[in-house]
Amino acid sequence: MTESTTRPQIEILTFDGCPNREPAIEFVSRITRERGVEASVQVIDVPDAEAARRTRFLGSPTIRVDGHDIEPGADARTDYVLSCRVFRTESGLSGQPDERWLLDALAQSSSGRAS
């Protein structure tokens, strides 16, 4: 029982055909593997605009840790849309979020290692 409560829940929301889908899955896999984080990872397909609104989808990929978008400030956004997502990272515009955002989200996770 304690194992399930100590594992961060990571959701990767995307849609079929998005060019950022597989890179996002690989991104999450690489970071969790490199950091030794045992997370529960779920890929969620968002098939249409109604599902985008229902799932609070900000574009593909949307990555959440324990229900919170990893992009700082994104939880306050309401522009739910079925499209590719572009992130403003320190390196410029990208189809993938900044690696530090995922690391920070995992560190702050209520399911994280902090006791």
PDB file of N, CA and C in Angstrom:
ATOM      1  N   MET A   1       0.827  -1.197   0.000  1.00  0.00           N
ATOM      2  CA  MET A   1       0.000   0.000   0.000  1.00  0.00           C
ATOM      3  C   MET A   1       0.865   1.252   0.000  1.00  0.00           C
ATOM      4  N   THR A   2       1.936   1.283   0.753  1.00  0.00           N
ATOM      5  CA  THR A   2       2.768   2.473   0.784  1.00  0.00           C
ATOM      6  C   THR A   2       3.476   2.708  -0.539  1.00  0.00           C
ATOM      7  N   GLU A   3       3.766   1.645  -1.316  1.00  0.00           N
ATOM      8  CA  GLU A   3       4.434   1.829  -2.598  1.00  0.00           C
ATOM      9  C   GLU A   3       3.602   2.701  -3.526  1.00  0.00           C
ATOM     10  N   SER A   4       2.283   2.473  -3.600  1.00  0.00           N
ATOM     11  CA  SER A   4       1.446   3.249  -4.501  1.00  0.00           C
ATOM     12  C   SER A   4       1.347   4.705  -4.058  1.00  0.00           C
ATOM     13  N   THR A   5       1.477   4.974  -2.768  1.00  0.00           N
ATOM     14  CA  THR A   5       1.394   6.350  -2.303  1.00  0.00           C
ATOM     15  C   THR A   5       2.731   7.065  -2.421  1.00  0.00           C
ATOM     16  N   THR A   6       3.816   6.335  -2.644  1.00  0.00           N
ATOM     17  CA  THR A   6       5.114   6.985  -2.752  1.00  0.00           C
ATOM     18  C   THR A   6       5.558   7.159  -4.195  1.00  0.00           C
ATOM     19  N   ARG A   7       4.800   6.643  -5.136  1.00  0.00           N
ATOM     20  CA  ARG A   7       5.162   6.753  -6.550  1.00  0.00           C
ATOM     21  C   ARG A   7       4.480   7.951  -7.181  1.00  0.00           C
ATOM     22  N   PRO A   8       5.253   8.882  -7.737  1.00  0.00           N
ATOM     23  CA  PRO A   8       4.616  10.002  -8.440  1.00  0.00           C
ATOM     24  C   PRO A   8       3.772   9.484  -9.607  1.00  0.00           C
ATOM     25  N   GLN A   9       2.667  10.136  -9.829  1.00  0.00           N
ATOM     26  CA  GLN A   9       1.773   9.801 -10.937  1.00  0.00           C
ATOM     27  C   GLN A   9       2.072  10.783 -12.073  1.00  0.00           C
ATOM     28  N   ILE A  10       2.591  10.284 -13.181  1.00  0.00           N
ATOM     29  CA  ILE A  10       2.912  11.138 -14.329  1.00  0.00           C
ATOM     30  C   ILE A  10       1.934  10.826 -15.452  1.00  0.00           C
ATOM     31  N   GLU A  11       1.300  11.874 -15.965  1.00  0.00           N
ATOM     32  CA  GLU A  11       0.399  11.753 -17.099  1.00  0.00           C
ATOM     33  C   GLU A  11       1.027  12.471 -18.287  1.00  0.00           C
ATOM     34  N   ILE A  12       1.022  11.797 -19.428  1.00  0.00           N
ATOM     35  CA  ILE A  12       1.471  12.409 -20.676  1.00  0.00           C
ATOM     36  C   ILE A  12       0.246  12.462 -21.574  1.00  0.00           C
ATOM     37  N   LEU A  13      -0.315  13.651 -21.746  1.00  0.00           N
ATOM     38  CA  LEU A  13      -1.495  13.822 -22.587  1.00  0.00           C
ATOM     39  C   LEU A  13      -1.033  14.245 -23.974  1.00  0.00           C
ATOM     40  N   THR A  14      -1.551  13.565 -24.972  1.00  0.00           N
ATOM     41  CA  THR A  14      -1.148  13.821 -26.343  1.00  0.00           C
ATOM     42  C   THR A  14      -2.243  13.337 -27.279  1.00  0.00           C
ATOM     43  N   PHE A  15      -2.061  13.560 -28.565  1.00  0.00           N
ATOM     44  CA  PHE A  15      -3.028  13.026 -29.523  1.00  0.00           C
ATOM     45  C   PHE A  15      -2.289  12.279 -30.618  1.00  0.00           C
ATOM     46  N   ASP A  16      -2.973  11.332 -31.195  1.00  0.00           N
ATOM     47  CA  ASP A  16      -2.405  10.509 -32.246  1.00  0.00           C
ATOM     48  C   ASP A  16      -1.999  11.390 -33.421  1.00  0.00           C
ATOM     49  N   GLY A  17      -0.775  11.201 -33.905  1.00  0.00           N
ATOM     50  CA  GLY A  17      -0.280  11.968 -35.038  1.00  0.00           C
ATOM     51  C   GLY A  17       0.542  13.183 -34.656  1.00  0.00           C
ATOM     52  N   CYS A  18       0.582  13.541 -33.389  1.00  0.00           N
ATOM     53  CA  CYS A  18       1.398  14.683 -32.973  1.00  0.00           C
ATOM     54  C   CYS A  18       2.876  14.294 -33.054  1.00  0.00           C
ATOM     55  N   PRO A  19       3.704  15.107 -33.708  1.00  0.00           N
ATOM     56  CA  PRO A  19       5.126  14.779 -33.823  1.00  0.00           C
ATOM     57  C   PRO A  19       5.873  14.819 -32.487  1.00  0.00           C
ATOM     58  N   ASN A  20       5.267  15.430 -31.461  1.00  0.00           N
ATOM     59  CA  ASN A  20       5.913  15.521 -30.151  1.00  0.00           C
ATOM     60  C   ASN A  20       5.525  14.385 -29.214  1.00  0.00           C
ATOM     61  N   ARG A  21       4.639  13.499 -29.661  1.00  0.00           N
ATOM     62  CA  ARG A  21       4.142  12.399 -28.826  1.00  0.00           C
ATOM     63  C   ARG A  21       5.273  11.471 -28.360  1.00  0.00           C
ATOM     64  N   GLU A  22       5.943  10.816 -29.288  1.00  0.00           N
ATOM     65  CA  GLU A  22       6.998   9.862 -28.926  1.00  0.00           C
ATOM     66  C   GLU A  22       8.171  10.543 -28.211  1.00  0.00           C
ATOM     67  N   PRO A  23       8.620  11.727 -28.665  1.00  0.00           N
ATOM     68  CA  PRO A  23       9.689  12.404 -27.914  1.00  0.00           C
ATOM     69  C   PRO A  23       9.296  12.712 -26.461  1.00  0.00           C
ATOM     70  N   ALA A  24       8.017  13.028 -26.215  1.00  0.00           N
ATOM     71  CA  ALA A  24       7.575  13.307 -24.846  1.00  0.00           C
ATOM     72  C   ALA A  24       7.617  12.047 -23.989  1.00  0.00           C
ATOM     73  N   ILE A  25       7.189  10.929 -24.566  1.00  0.00           N
ATOM     74  CA  ILE A  25       7.226   9.661 -23.835  1.00  0.00           C
ATOM     75  C   ILE A  25       8.673   9.286 -23.527  1.00  0.00           C
ATOM     76  N   GLU A  26       9.550   9.449 -24.510  1.00  0.00           N
ATOM     77  CA  GLU A  26      10.974   9.154 -24.307  1.00  0.00           C
ATOM     78  C   GLU A  26      11.602  10.099 -23.283  1.00  0.00           C
ATOM     79  N   PHE A  27      11.197  11.374 -23.302  1.00  0.00           N
ATOM     80  CA  PHE A  27      11.679  12.386 -22.360  1.00  0.00           C
ATOM     81  C   PHE A  27      11.374  11.964 -20.922  1.00  0.00           C
ATOM     82  N   VAL A  28      10.117  11.616 -20.662  1.00  0.00           N
ATOM     83  CA  VAL A  28       9.712  11.204 -19.311  1.00  0.00           C
ATOM     84  C   VAL A  28      10.433   9.924 -18.911  1.00  0.00           C
ATOM     85  N   SER A  29      10.516   8.978 -19.818  1.00  0.00           N
ATOM     86  CA  SER A  29      11.194   7.711 -19.537  1.00  0.00           C
ATOM     87  C   SER A  29      12.665   7.937 -19.197  1.00  0.00           C
ATOM     88  N   ARG A  30      13.329   8.777 -19.977  1.00  0.00           N
ATOM     89  CA  ARG A  30      14.759   9.042 -19.745  1.00  0.00           C
ATOM     90  C   ARG A  30      14.993   9.710 -18.397  1.00  0.00           C
ATOM     91  N   ILE A  31      14.212  10.733 -18.093  1.00  0.00           N
ATOM     92  CA  ILE A  31      14.412  11.474 -16.839  1.00  0.00           C
ATOM     93  C   ILE A  31      14.149  10.576 -15.634  1.00  0.00           C
ATOM     94  N   THR A  32      13.058   9.827 -15.667  1.00  0.00           N
ATOM     95  CA  THR A  32      12.760   8.974 -14.509  1.00  0.00           C
ATOM     96  C   THR A  32      13.813   7.878 -14.361  1.00  0.00           C
ATOM     97  N   ARG A  33      14.282   7.339 -15.477  1.00  0.00           N
ATOM     98  CA  ARG A  33      15.315   6.294 -15.423  1.00  0.00           C
ATOM     99  C   ARG A  33      16.630   6.870 -14.887  1.00  0.00           C
ATOM    100  N   GLU A  34      17.063   8.020 -15.432  1.00  0.00           N
ATOM    101  CA  GLU A  34      18.326   8.630 -15.008  1.00  0.00           C
ATOM    102  C   GLU A  34      18.313   9.018 -13.541  1.00  0.00           C
ATOM    103  N   ARG A  35      17.163   9.438 -13.049  1.00  0.00           N
ATOM    104  CA  ARG A  35      17.043   9.891 -11.649  1.00  0.00           C
ATOM    105  C   ARG A  35      16.613   8.780 -10.702  1.00  0.00           C
ATOM    106  N   GLY A  36      16.355   7.604 -11.230  1.00  0.00           N
ATOM    107  CA  GLY A  36      15.953   6.493 -10.383  1.00  0.00           C
ATOM    108  C   GLY A  36      14.589   6.686  -9.752  1.00  0.00           C
ATOM    109  N   VAL A  37      13.717   7.388 -10.437  1.00  0.00           N
ATOM    110  CA  VAL A  37      12.365   7.649  -9.932  1.00  0.00           C
ATOM    111  C   VAL A  37      11.436   6.550 -10.424  1.00  0.00           C
ATOM    112  N   GLU A  38      10.807   5.862  -9.495  1.00  0.00           N
ATOM    113  CA  GLU A  38       9.810   4.856  -9.851  1.00  0.00           C
ATOM    114  C   GLU A  38       8.453   5.547  -9.871  1.00  0.00           C
ATOM    115  N   ALA A  39       8.034   5.915 -11.069  1.00  0.00           N
ATOM    116  CA  ALA A  39       6.775   6.634 -11.225  1.00  0.00           C
ATOM    117  C   ALA A  39       5.771   5.767 -11.956  1.00  0.00           C
ATOM    118  N   SER A  40       4.516   6.059 -11.720  1.00  0.00           N
ATOM    119  CA  SER A  40       3.444   5.455 -12.490  1.00  0.00           C
ATOM    120  C   SER A  40       3.196   6.398 -13.666  1.00  0.00           C
ATOM    121  N   VAL A  41       3.485   5.935 -14.881  1.00  0.00           N
ATOM    122  CA  VAL A  41       3.363   6.775 -16.069  1.00  0.00           C
ATOM    123  C   VAL A  41       2.182   6.301 -16.903  1.00  0.00           C
ATOM    124  N   GLN A  42       1.331   7.237 -17.262  1.00  0.00           N
ATOM    125  CA  GLN A  42       0.148   6.934 -18.065  1.00  0.00           C
ATOM    126  C   GLN A  42       0.131   7.865 -19.273  1.00  0.00           C
ATOM    127  N   VAL A  43       0.014   7.280 -20.464  1.00  0.00           N
ATOM    128  CA  VAL A  43      -0.152   8.065 -21.687  1.00  0.00           C
ATOM    129  C   VAL A  43      -1.646   8.154 -21.963  1.00  0.00           C
ATOM    130  N   ILE A  44      -2.131   9.374 -22.080  1.00  0.00           N
ATOM    131  CA  ILE A  44      -3.560   9.614 -22.278  1.00  0.00           C
ATOM    132  C   ILE A  44      -3.773  10.239 -23.648  1.00  0.00           C
ATOM    133  N   ASP A  45      -4.547   9.564 -24.492  1.00  0.00           N
ATOM    134  CA  ASP A  45      -4.878  10.098 -25.805  1.00  0.00           C
ATOM    135  C   ASP A  45      -6.056  11.056 -25.688  1.00  0.00           C
ATOM    136  N   VAL A  46      -5.918  12.203 -26.313  1.00  0.00           N
ATOM    137  CA  VAL A  46      -6.967  13.211 -26.339  1.00  0.00           C
ATOM    138  C   VAL A  46      -7.486  13.258 -27.783  1.00  0.00           C
ATOM    139  N   PRO A  47      -8.663  12.651 -28.043  1.00  0.00           N
ATOM    140  CA  PRO A  47      -9.101  12.464 -29.427  1.00  0.00           C
ATOM    141  C   PRO A  47      -9.802  13.647 -30.089  1.00  0.00           C
ATOM    142  N   ASP A  48     -10.367  14.575 -29.275  1.00  0.00           N
ATOM    143  CA  ASP A  48     -11.151  15.647 -29.892  1.00  0.00           C
ATOM    144  C   ASP A  48     -11.219  16.861 -28.963  1.00  0.00           C
ATOM    145  N   ALA A  49     -11.853  17.935 -29.460  1.00  0.00           N
ATOM    146  CA  ALA A  49     -11.923  19.191 -28.715  1.00  0.00           C
ATOM    147  C   ALA A  49     -12.673  19.040 -27.388  1.00  0.00           C
ATOM    148  N   GLU A  50     -13.727  18.229 -27.365  1.00  0.00           N
ATOM    149  CA  GLU A  50     -14.472  18.016 -26.112  1.00  0.00           C
ATOM    150  C   GLU A  50     -13.578  17.343 -25.078  1.00  0.00           C
ATOM    151  N   ALA A  51     -12.829  16.343 -25.488  1.00  0.00           N
ATOM    152  CA  ALA A  51     -11.887  15.680 -24.573  1.00  0.00           C
ATOM    153  C   ALA A  51     -10.797  16.654 -24.123  1.00  0.00           C
ATOM    154  N   ALA A  52     -10.394  17.554 -25.006  1.00  0.00           N
ATOM    155  CA  ALA A  52      -9.390  18.564 -24.639  1.00  0.00           C
ATOM    156  C   ALA A  52      -9.912  19.438 -23.501  1.00  0.00           C
ATOM    157  N   ARG A  53     -11.152  19.871 -23.589  1.00  0.00           N
ATOM    158  CA  ARG A  53     -11.742  20.681 -22.507  1.00  0.00           C
ATOM    159  C   ARG A  53     -11.885  19.862 -21.228  1.00  0.00           C
ATOM    160  N   ARG A  54     -12.386  18.641 -21.374  1.00  0.00           N
ATOM    161  CA  ARG A  54     -12.638  17.786 -20.211  1.00  0.00           C
ATOM    162  C   ARG A  54     -11.346  17.445 -19.461  1.00  0.00           C
ATOM    163  N   THR A  55     -10.258  17.237 -20.191  1.00  0.00           N
ATOM    164  CA  THR A  55      -8.985  16.847 -19.561  1.00  0.00           C
ATOM    165  C   THR A  55      -8.070  18.039 -19.275  1.00  0.00           C
ATOM    166  N   ARG A  56      -8.548  19.261 -19.546  1.00  0.00           N
ATOM    167  CA  ARG A  56      -7.755  20.479 -19.348  1.00  0.00           C
ATOM    168  C   ARG A  56      -6.447  20.400 -20.158  1.00  0.00           C
ATOM    169  N   PHE A  57      -6.582  20.024 -21.417  1.00  0.00           N
ATOM    170  CA  PHE A  57      -5.470  19.774 -22.325  1.00  0.00           C
ATOM    171  C   PHE A  57      -4.980  21.083 -22.944  1.00  0.00           C
ATOM    172  N   LEU A  58      -3.730  21.428 -22.665  1.00  0.00           N
ATOM    173  CA  LEU A  58      -3.148  22.679 -23.167  1.00  0.00           C
ATOM    174  C   LEU A  58      -2.373  22.479 -24.460  1.00  0.00           C
ATOM    175  N   GLY A  59      -2.502  21.314 -25.054  1.00  0.00           N
ATOM    176  CA  GLY A  59      -1.778  20.992 -26.273  1.00  0.00           C
ATOM    177  C   GLY A  59      -0.852  19.824 -26.033  1.00  0.00           C
ATOM    178  N   SER A  60      -0.371  19.264 -27.131  1.00  0.00           N
ATOM    179  CA  SER A  60       0.459  18.057 -27.059  1.00  0.00           C
ATOM    180  C   SER A  60       1.936  18.393 -27.209  1.00  0.00           C
ATOM    181  N   PRO A  61       2.731  17.977 -26.227  1.00  0.00           N
ATOM    182  CA  PRO A  61       2.380  17.165 -25.071  1.00  0.00           C
ATOM    183  C   PRO A  61       2.050  18.023 -23.851  1.00  0.00           C
ATOM    184  N   THR A  62       1.137  17.537 -23.047  1.00  0.00           N
ATOM    185  CA  THR A  62       0.902  18.086 -21.720  1.00  0.00           C
ATOM    186  C   THR A  62       1.393  17.020 -20.744  1.00  0.00           C
ATOM    187  N   ILE A  63       2.319  17.406 -19.882  1.00  0.00           N
ATOM    188  CA  ILE A  63       2.880  16.461 -18.910  1.00  0.00           C
ATOM    189  C   ILE A  63       2.537  16.968 -17.515  1.00  0.00           C
ATOM    190  N   ARG A  64       1.926  16.089 -16.744  1.00  0.00           N
ATOM    191  CA  ARG A  64       1.530  16.430 -15.373  1.00  0.00           C
ATOM    192  C   ARG A  64       2.143  15.449 -14.385  1.00  0.00           C
ATOM    193  N   VAL A  65       2.513  15.967 -13.237  1.00  0.00           N
ATOM    194  CA  VAL A  65       2.969  15.139 -12.122  1.00  0.00           C
ATOM    195  C   VAL A  65       1.966  15.340 -10.999  1.00  0.00           C
ATOM    196  N   ASP A  66       1.374  14.251 -10.555  1.00  0.00           N
ATOM    197  CA  ASP A  66       0.344  14.286  -9.509  1.00  0.00           C
ATOM    198  C   ASP A  66      -0.736  15.317  -9.823  1.00  0.00           C
ATOM    199  N   GLY A  67      -1.135  15.381 -11.104  1.00  0.00           N
ATOM    200  CA  GLY A  67      -2.230  16.244 -11.521  1.00  0.00           C
ATOM    201  C   GLY A  67      -1.861  17.672 -11.852  1.00  0.00           C
ATOM    202  N   HIS A  68      -0.597  18.048 -11.695  1.00  0.00           N
ATOM    203  CA  HIS A  68      -0.170  19.421 -11.942  1.00  0.00           C
ATOM    204  C   HIS A  68       0.741  19.492 -13.159  1.00  0.00           C
ATOM    205  N   ASP A  69       0.421  20.426 -14.057  1.00  0.00           N
ATOM    206  CA  ASP A  69       1.242  20.634 -15.241  1.00  0.00           C
ATOM    207  C   ASP A  69       2.656  21.006 -14.798  1.00  0.00           C
ATOM    208  N   ILE A  70       3.655  20.453 -15.492  1.00  0.00           N
ATOM    209  CA  ILE A  70       5.031  20.721 -15.073  1.00  0.00           C
ATOM    210  C   ILE A  70       5.514  22.101 -15.501  1.00  0.00           C
ATOM    211  N   GLU A  71       4.858  22.737 -16.462  1.00  0.00           N
ATOM    212  CA  GLU A  71       5.267  24.087 -16.870  1.00  0.00           C
ATOM    213  C   GLU A  71       4.838  25.084 -15.802  1.00  0.00           C
ATOM    214  N   PRO A  72       5.770  25.865 -15.272  1.00  0.00           N
ATOM    215  CA  PRO A  72       5.404  26.841 -14.241  1.00  0.00           C
ATOM    216  C   PRO A  72       4.296  27.782 -14.734  1.00  0.00           C
ATOM    217  N   GLY A  73       3.253  27.928 -13.913  1.00  0.00           N
ATOM    218  CA  GLY A  73       2.144  28.814 -14.215  1.00  0.00           C
ATOM    219  C   GLY A  73       1.069  28.224 -15.103  1.00  0.00           C
ATOM    220  N   ALA A  74       1.291  27.054 -15.674  1.00  0.00           N
ATOM    221  CA  ALA A  74       0.340  26.485 -16.628  1.00  0.00           C
ATOM    222  C   ALA A  74      -0.964  26.030 -15.977  1.00  0.00           C
ATOM    223  N   ASP A  75      -0.949  25.689 -14.705  1.00  0.00           N
ATOM    224  CA  ASP A  75      -2.178  25.238 -14.045  1.00  0.00           C
ATOM    225  C   ASP A  75      -3.264  26.320 -14.058  1.00  0.00           C
ATOM    226  N   ALA A  76      -2.871  27.588 -14.181  1.00  0.00           N
ATOM    227  CA  ALA A  76      -3.839  28.685 -14.186  1.00  0.00           C
ATOM    228  C   ALA A  76      -4.434  28.931 -15.579  1.00  0.00           C
ATOM    229  N   ARG A  77      -3.878  28.318 -16.596  1.00  0.00           N
ATOM    230  CA  ARG A  77      -4.346  28.542 -17.964  1.00  0.00           C
ATOM    231  C   ARG A  77      -5.658  27.815 -18.234  1.00  0.00           C
ATOM    232  N   THR A  78      -6.440  28.359 -19.166  1.00  0.00           N
ATOM    233  CA  THR A  78      -7.713  27.741 -19.546  1.00  0.00           C
ATOM    234  C   THR A  78      -7.877  27.662 -21.061  1.00  0.00           C
ATOM    235  N   ASP A  79      -6.798  27.761 -21.807  1.00  0.00           N
ATOM    236  CA  ASP A  79      -6.862  27.709 -23.274  1.00  0.00           C
ATOM    237  C   ASP A  79      -6.720  26.266 -23.751  1.00  0.00           C
ATOM    238  N   TYR A  80      -7.757  25.482 -23.488  1.00  0.00           N
ATOM    239  CA  TYR A  80      -7.737  24.058 -23.812  1.00  0.00           C
ATOM    240  C   TYR A  80      -8.005  23.877 -25.306  1.00  0.00           C
ATOM    241  N   VAL A  81      -7.098  23.165 -25.974  1.00  0.00           N
ATOM    242  CA  VAL A  81      -7.169  23.073 -27.423  1.00  0.00           C
ATOM    243  C   VAL A  81      -6.517  21.778 -27.904  1.00  0.00           C
ATOM    244  N   LEU A  82      -7.033  21.259 -28.991  1.00  0.00           N
ATOM    245  CA  LEU A  82      -6.473  20.056 -29.597  1.00  0.00           C
ATOM    246  C   LEU A  82      -5.449  20.498 -30.645  1.00  0.00           C
ATOM    247  N   SER A  83      -4.209  20.692 -30.203  1.00  0.00           N
ATOM    248  CA  SER A  83      -3.141  21.122 -31.110  1.00  0.00           C
ATOM    249  C   SER A  83      -1.796  20.779 -30.473  1.00  0.00           C
ATOM    250  N   CYS A  84      -0.756  20.988 -31.244  1.00  0.00           N
ATOM    251  CA  CYS A  84       0.591  20.804 -30.694  1.00  0.00           C
ATOM    252  C   CYS A  84       0.890  21.963 -29.754  1.00  0.00           C
ATOM    253  N   ARG A  85       1.706  21.708 -28.776  1.00  0.00           N
ATOM    254  CA  ARG A  85       2.053  22.703 -27.762  1.00  0.00           C
ATOM    255  C   ARG A  85       3.481  23.165 -27.979  1.00  0.00           C
ATOM    256  N   VAL A  86       3.700  24.451 -27.804  1.00  0.00           N
ATOM    257  CA  VAL A  86       5.034  25.018 -27.909  1.00  0.00           C
ATOM    258  C   VAL A  86       5.386  25.603 -26.541  1.00  0.00           C
ATOM    259  N   PHE A  87       6.563  25.270 -26.059  1.00  0.00           N
ATOM    260  CA  PHE A  87       7.021  25.729 -24.751  1.00  0.00           C
ATOM    261  C   PHE A  87       8.078  26.811 -24.907  1.00  0.00           C
ATOM    262  N   ARG A  88       8.032  27.808 -24.044  1.00  0.00           N
ATOM    263  CA  ARG A  88       9.082  28.823 -23.983  1.00  0.00           C
ATOM    264  C   ARG A  88      10.067  28.368 -22.915  1.00  0.00           C
ATOM    265  N   THR A  89      11.180  27.817 -23.382  1.00  0.00           N
ATOM    266  CA  THR A  89      12.197  27.322 -22.457  1.00  0.00           C
ATOM    267  C   THR A  89      13.375  28.276 -22.454  1.00  0.00           C
ATOM    268  N   GLU A  90      14.332  28.030 -21.573  1.00  0.00           N
ATOM    269  CA  GLU A  90      15.540  28.855 -21.529  1.00  0.00           C
ATOM    270  C   GLU A  90      16.313  28.768 -22.836  1.00  0.00           C
ATOM    271  N   SER A  91      16.142  27.670 -23.577  1.00  0.00           N
ATOM    272  CA  SER A  91      16.832  27.476 -24.858  1.00  0.00           C
ATOM    273  C   SER A  91      16.051  28.052 -26.030  1.00  0.00           C
ATOM    274  N   GLY A  92      14.861  28.593 -25.786  1.00  0.00           N
ATOM    275  CA  GLY A  92      14.012  29.106 -26.850  1.00  0.00           C
ATOM    276  C   GLY A  92      12.742  28.285 -26.963  1.00  0.00           C
ATOM    277  N   LEU A  93      12.037  28.457 -28.074  1.00  0.00           N
ATOM    278  CA  LEU A  93      10.789  27.731 -28.290  1.00  0.00           C
ATOM    279  C   LEU A  93      11.085  26.268 -28.597  1.00  0.00           C
ATOM    280  N   SER A  94      10.262  25.375 -28.030  1.00  0.00           N
ATOM    281  CA  SER A  94      10.493  23.941 -28.189  1.00  0.00           C
ATOM    282  C   SER A  94       9.170  23.194 -28.134  1.00  0.00           C
ATOM    283  N   GLY A  95       9.138  22.038 -28.777  1.00  0.00           N
ATOM    284  CA  GLY A  95       7.987  21.151 -28.703  1.00  0.00           C
ATOM    285  C   GLY A  95       8.021  20.273 -27.467  1.00  0.00           C
ATOM    286  N   GLN A  96       9.081  20.393 -26.672  1.00  0.00           N
ATOM    287  CA  GLN A  96       9.220  19.634 -25.426  1.00  0.00           C
ATOM    288  C   GLN A  96       9.433  20.607 -24.273  1.00  0.00           C
ATOM    289  N   PRO A  97       8.935  20.261 -23.093  1.00  0.00           N
ATOM    290  CA  PRO A  97       9.148  21.128 -21.930  1.00  0.00           C
ATOM    291  C   PRO A  97      10.606  21.105 -21.486  1.00  0.00           C
ATOM    292  N   ASP A  98      10.956  22.064 -20.689  1.00  0.00           N
ATOM    293  CA  ASP A  98      12.296  22.143 -20.123  1.00  0.00           C
ATOM    294  C   ASP A  98      12.497  20.972 -19.159  1.00  0.00           C
ATOM    295  N   GLU A  99      13.641  20.337 -19.241  1.00  0.00           N
ATOM    296  CA  GLU A  99      13.956  19.201 -18.369  1.00  0.00           C
ATOM    297  C   GLU A  99      13.856  19.576 -16.897  1.00  0.00           C
ATOM    298  N   ARG A 100      14.272  20.776 -16.569  1.00  0.00           N
ATOM    299  CA  ARG A 100      14.241  21.241 -15.178  1.00  0.00           C
ATOM    300  C   ARG A 100      12.822  21.265 -14.631  1.00  0.00           C
ATOM    301  N   TRP A 101      11.831  21.546 -15.497  1.00  0.00           N
ATOM    302  CA  TRP A 101      10.444  21.583 -15.030  1.00  0.00           C
ATOM    303  C   TRP A 101      10.002  20.219 -14.526  1.00  0.00           C
ATOM    304  N   LEU A 102      10.377  19.178 -15.251  1.00  0.00           N
ATOM    305  CA  LEU A 102      10.001  17.831 -14.810  1.00  0.00           C
ATOM    306  C   LEU A 102      10.745  17.471 -13.532  1.00  0.00           C
ATOM    307  N   LEU A 103      12.019  17.808 -13.465  1.00  0.00           N
ATOM    308  CA  LEU A 103      12.802  17.526 -12.254  1.00  0.00           C
ATOM    309  C   LEU A 103      12.210  18.261 -11.051  1.00  0.00           C
ATOM    310  N   ASP A 104      11.856  19.538 -11.234  1.00  0.00           N
ATOM    311  CA  ASP A 104      11.256  20.315 -10.145  1.00  0.00           C
ATOM    312  C   ASP A 104       9.911  19.725  -9.725  1.00  0.00           C
ATOM    313  N   ALA A 105       9.105  19.328 -10.698  1.00  0.00           N
ATOM    314  CA  ALA A 105       7.792  18.756 -10.388  1.00  0.00           C
ATOM    315  C   ALA A 105       7.932  17.453  -9.620  1.00  0.00           C
ATOM    316  N   LEU A 106       8.907  16.634 -10.015  1.00  0.00           N
ATOM    317  CA  LEU A 106       9.138  15.381  -9.289  1.00  0.00           C
ATOM    318  C   LEU A 106       9.633  15.651  -7.873  1.00  0.00           C
ATOM    319  N   ALA A 107      10.491  16.656  -7.709  1.00  0.00           N
ATOM    320  CA  ALA A 107      11.013  16.994  -6.386  1.00  0.00           C
ATOM    321  C   ALA A 107       9.907  17.527  -5.473  1.00  0.00           C
ATOM    322  N   GLN A 108       8.955  18.249  -6.050  1.00  0.00           N
ATOM    323  CA  GLN A 108       7.881  18.855  -5.265  1.00  0.00           C
ATOM    324  C   GLN A 108       6.674  17.934  -5.116  1.00  0.00           C
ATOM    325  N   SER A 109       6.707  16.817  -5.786  1.00  0.00           N
ATOM    326  CA  SER A 109       5.581  15.889  -5.779  1.00  0.00           C
ATOM    327  C   SER A 109       5.224  15.467  -4.360  1.00  0.00           C
ATOM    328  N   SER A 110       3.926  15.445  -4.083  1.00  0.00           N
ATOM    329  CA  SER A 110       3.473  14.967  -2.768  1.00  0.00           C
ATOM    330  C   SER A 110       3.810  13.492  -2.611  1.00  0.00           C
ATOM    331  N   SER A 111       4.066  12.823  -3.728  1.00  0.00           N
ATOM    332  CA  SER A 111       4.446  11.415  -3.701  1.00  0.00           C
ATOM    333  C   SER A 111       5.961  11.254  -3.745  1.00  0.00           C
ATOM    334  N   GLY A 112       6.655  12.372  -3.728  1.00  0.00           N
ATOM    335  CA  GLY A 112       8.111  12.334  -3.900  1.00  0.00           C
ATOM    336  C   GLY A 112       8.859  11.801  -2.708  1.00  0.00           C
ATOM    337  N   ARG A 113      10.152  11.945  -2.756  1.00  0.00           N
ATOM    338  CA  ARG A 113      11.034  11.347  -1.754  1.00  0.00           C
ATOM    339  C   ARG A 113      11.072  12.088  -0.431  1.00  0.00           C
ATOM    340  N   ALA A 114      10.658  13.342  -0.436  1.00  0.00           N
ATOM    341  CA  ALA A 114      10.724  14.122   0.808  1.00  0.00           C
ATOM    342  C   ALA A 114       9.814  13.479   1.858  1.00  0.00           C
ATOM    343  N   SER A 115      10.286  13.388   3.065  1.00  0.00           N
ATOM    344  CA  SER A 115       9.485  12.794   4.142  1.00  0.00           C
ATOM    345  C   SER A 115       9.274  13.797   5.232  1.00  0.00           C
TER     346      SER A 115
END
